[in-house]
Amino acid sequence: MKKLTLLGAALALAVGTAYAADKHDKTAKSDKNVIEKQQEKGGALNNDTSFRVLDKNNDGYLSKAETAGNPDLAKRFAEADDNKDGKLSRMEYLKIMAKIDTHTAASKVSKSTDGKSASGGTKQK
C-alpha cells in the first residue's frame, strides 16, 4: 500500500512538473508576442507588462543588462535611473517610457504632416 501511495505521489509530481513547464513555454511565447506587438505599434503596448517581460530575474527592478531587450531604454538607462542605484524601479521605468513614447509619437506626427499645417485651420488670404 505504501508503494502504491508513493508511486501515485511521484506520478502526480511528474505530471504537475510537465504541466508547469508547458505553461512556462506558453508564457515565454506570450511574452515574445507582447514585445513584437509593441514593436509593431512603435511604442509601449502596456508598460507594466513590458516591465515584467524585461525583468528576467523577477526581482522587481531592471538591471542595465535586462534593459538590453529594449534598445531605446538601454540608451537612456542613466537618464532613467533617478536615484543612481544602478537599477530601474517600476516607477523609474514608467517615467522614462512615457518620455520615449511621447517623443516617438511626436516624431511620427511631424513626419506625417510633411511640413503641412496640422492645425486643421483654413488658409489665410
Protein backbone atom coordinates (compact mmCIF):
# COMPACT_ATOMS: atom_id res chain seq x y z
CA MET A 1 0.00 0.00 0.00
CA LYS A 2 2.87 2.39 0.82
CA LYS A 3 4.46 1.68 -2.57
CA LEU A 4 1.19 2.48 -4.36
CA THR A 5 0.84 5.76 -2.47
CA LEU A 6 4.44 6.66 -3.17
CA LEU A 7 4.03 5.79 -6.85
CA GLY A 8 0.86 7.90 -7.05
CA ALA A 9 2.61 10.87 -5.44
CA ALA A 10 5.58 10.55 -7.80
CA LEU A 11 3.25 10.38 -10.81
CA ALA A 12 1.32 13.44 -9.64
CA LEU A 13 4.58 15.34 -9.18
CA ALA A 14 5.80 14.37 -12.64
CA VAL A 15 2.52 15.39 -14.30
CA GLY A 16 2.46 18.68 -12.36
CA THR A 17 6.05 19.46 -13.35
CA ALA A 18 5.32 18.72 -17.01
CA TYR A 19 2.23 20.94 -16.88
CA ALA A 20 4.18 23.79 -15.28
CA ALA A 21 6.94 23.51 -17.90
CA ASP A 22 4.37 23.60 -20.70
CA LYS A 23 2.69 26.61 -19.13
CA HIS A 24 6.08 28.34 -18.79
CA ASP A 25 6.78 27.75 -22.50
CA LYS A 26 3.42 29.26 -23.42
CA THR A 27 4.10 32.26 -21.15
CA ALA A 28 7.51 32.79 -22.78
CA LYS A 29 5.88 32.72 -26.22
CA SER A 30 3.21 35.12 -24.99
CA ASP A 31 5.90 37.48 -23.63
CA LYS A 32 7.63 37.41 -27.02
CA ASN A 33 4.33 38.24 -28.70
CA VAL A 34 3.88 41.22 -26.37
CA ILE A 35 7.26 42.61 -27.39
CA GLU A 36 6.52 42.03 -31.08
CA LYS A 37 3.16 43.82 -30.75
CA GLN A 38 4.92 46.73 -29.07
CA GLN A 39 7.39 46.99 -31.93
CA GLU A 40 4.58 46.89 -34.49
CA LYS A 41 2.79 49.71 -32.69
CA GLY A 42 6.01 51.70 -32.38
CA GLY A 43 5.87 52.02 -28.64
CA ALA A 44 4.68 50.54 -25.41
CA LEU A 45 1.51 48.49 -25.69
CA ASN A 46 1.38 48.14 -21.94
CA ASN A 47 4.39 49.40 -20.00
CA ASP A 48 3.54 47.36 -16.92
CA THR A 49 3.60 44.15 -18.96
CA SER A 50 6.80 45.24 -20.66
CA PHE A 51 8.49 45.78 -17.32
CA ARG A 52 7.56 42.24 -16.30
CA VAL A 53 8.86 40.86 -19.60
CA LEU A 54 12.20 42.67 -19.24
CA ASP A 55 12.61 41.76 -15.55
CA LYS A 56 14.10 38.32 -16.25
CA ASN A 57 15.07 37.54 -12.64
CA ASN A 58 11.73 38.80 -11.25
CA ASP A 59 13.36 40.96 -8.58
CA GLY A 60 11.13 43.96 -9.28
CA TYR A 61 13.96 46.01 -10.82
CA LEU A 62 15.62 46.25 -14.21
CA SER A 63 19.38 46.00 -14.39
CA LYS A 64 21.40 47.54 -17.21
CA ALA A 65 21.74 44.06 -18.74
CA GLU A 66 17.98 43.44 -18.59
CA THR A 67 17.25 46.71 -20.40
CA ALA A 68 19.21 45.45 -23.41
CA GLY A 69 15.90 43.92 -24.54
CA ASN A 70 14.70 47.47 -25.29
CA PRO A 71 17.39 49.45 -27.17
CA ASP A 72 15.74 52.85 -26.55
CA LEU A 73 15.56 52.14 -22.83
CA ALA A 74 19.14 50.82 -22.71
CA LYS A 75 20.43 54.05 -24.34
CA ARG A 76 18.63 56.16 -21.75
CA PHE A 77 19.37 53.98 -18.70
CA ALA A 78 21.45 56.63 -16.90
CA GLU A 79 18.78 59.26 -17.51
CA ALA A 80 16.08 56.91 -16.20
CA ASP A 81 17.97 55.89 -13.05
CA ASP A 82 16.84 58.87 -10.92
CA ASN A 83 18.36 57.68 -7.65
CA LYS A 84 21.54 56.39 -9.33
CA ASP A 85 21.35 52.96 -7.69
CA GLY A 86 22.25 51.09 -10.89
CA LYS A 87 18.79 49.64 -11.41
CA LEU A 88 15.40 50.86 -12.55
CA SER A 89 12.36 50.61 -10.33
CA ARG A 90 8.95 50.22 -11.97
CA MET A 91 8.28 53.94 -11.40
CA GLU A 92 11.59 54.99 -12.99
CA TYR A 93 10.81 52.66 -15.90
CA LEU A 94 7.29 54.04 -16.43
CA LYS A 95 8.58 57.61 -16.27
CA ILE A 96 11.26 57.12 -18.95
CA MET A 97 8.95 55.03 -21.15
CA ALA A 98 6.38 57.83 -21.09
CA LYS A 99 9.12 60.20 -22.33
CA ILE A 100 10.23 57.75 -25.01
CA ASP A 101 6.67 57.09 -26.18
CA THR A 102 5.86 60.81 -26.27
CA HIS A 103 8.98 61.51 -28.31
CA THR A 104 8.16 58.65 -30.71
CA ALA A 105 4.58 59.85 -31.17
CA ALA A 106 5.69 63.45 -31.77
CA SER A 107 8.24 62.28 -34.32
CA LYS A 108 5.62 60.26 -36.20
CA VAL A 109 3.22 63.21 -36.26
CA SER A 110 5.85 65.58 -37.59
CA LYS A 111 6.80 63.08 -40.32
CA SER A 112 3.18 62.52 -41.34
CA THR A 113 2.45 66.21 -41.82
CA ASP A 114 5.38 66.73 -44.23
CA GLY A 115 5.56 70.42 -43.49
CA LYS A 116 1.78 70.93 -43.84
CA SER A 117 -0.11 72.69 -41.13
CA ALA A 118 -1.52 70.25 -38.61
CA SER A 119 -3.82 72.82 -37.07
CA GLY A 120 -6.76 72.00 -39.34
CA GLY A 121 -7.49 75.68 -39.86
CA THR A 122 -8.27 77.43 -43.09
CA LYS A 123 -5.79 79.22 -45.32
CA GLN A 124 -5.25 82.89 -44.69
CA LYS A 125 -5.92 85.34 -47.54
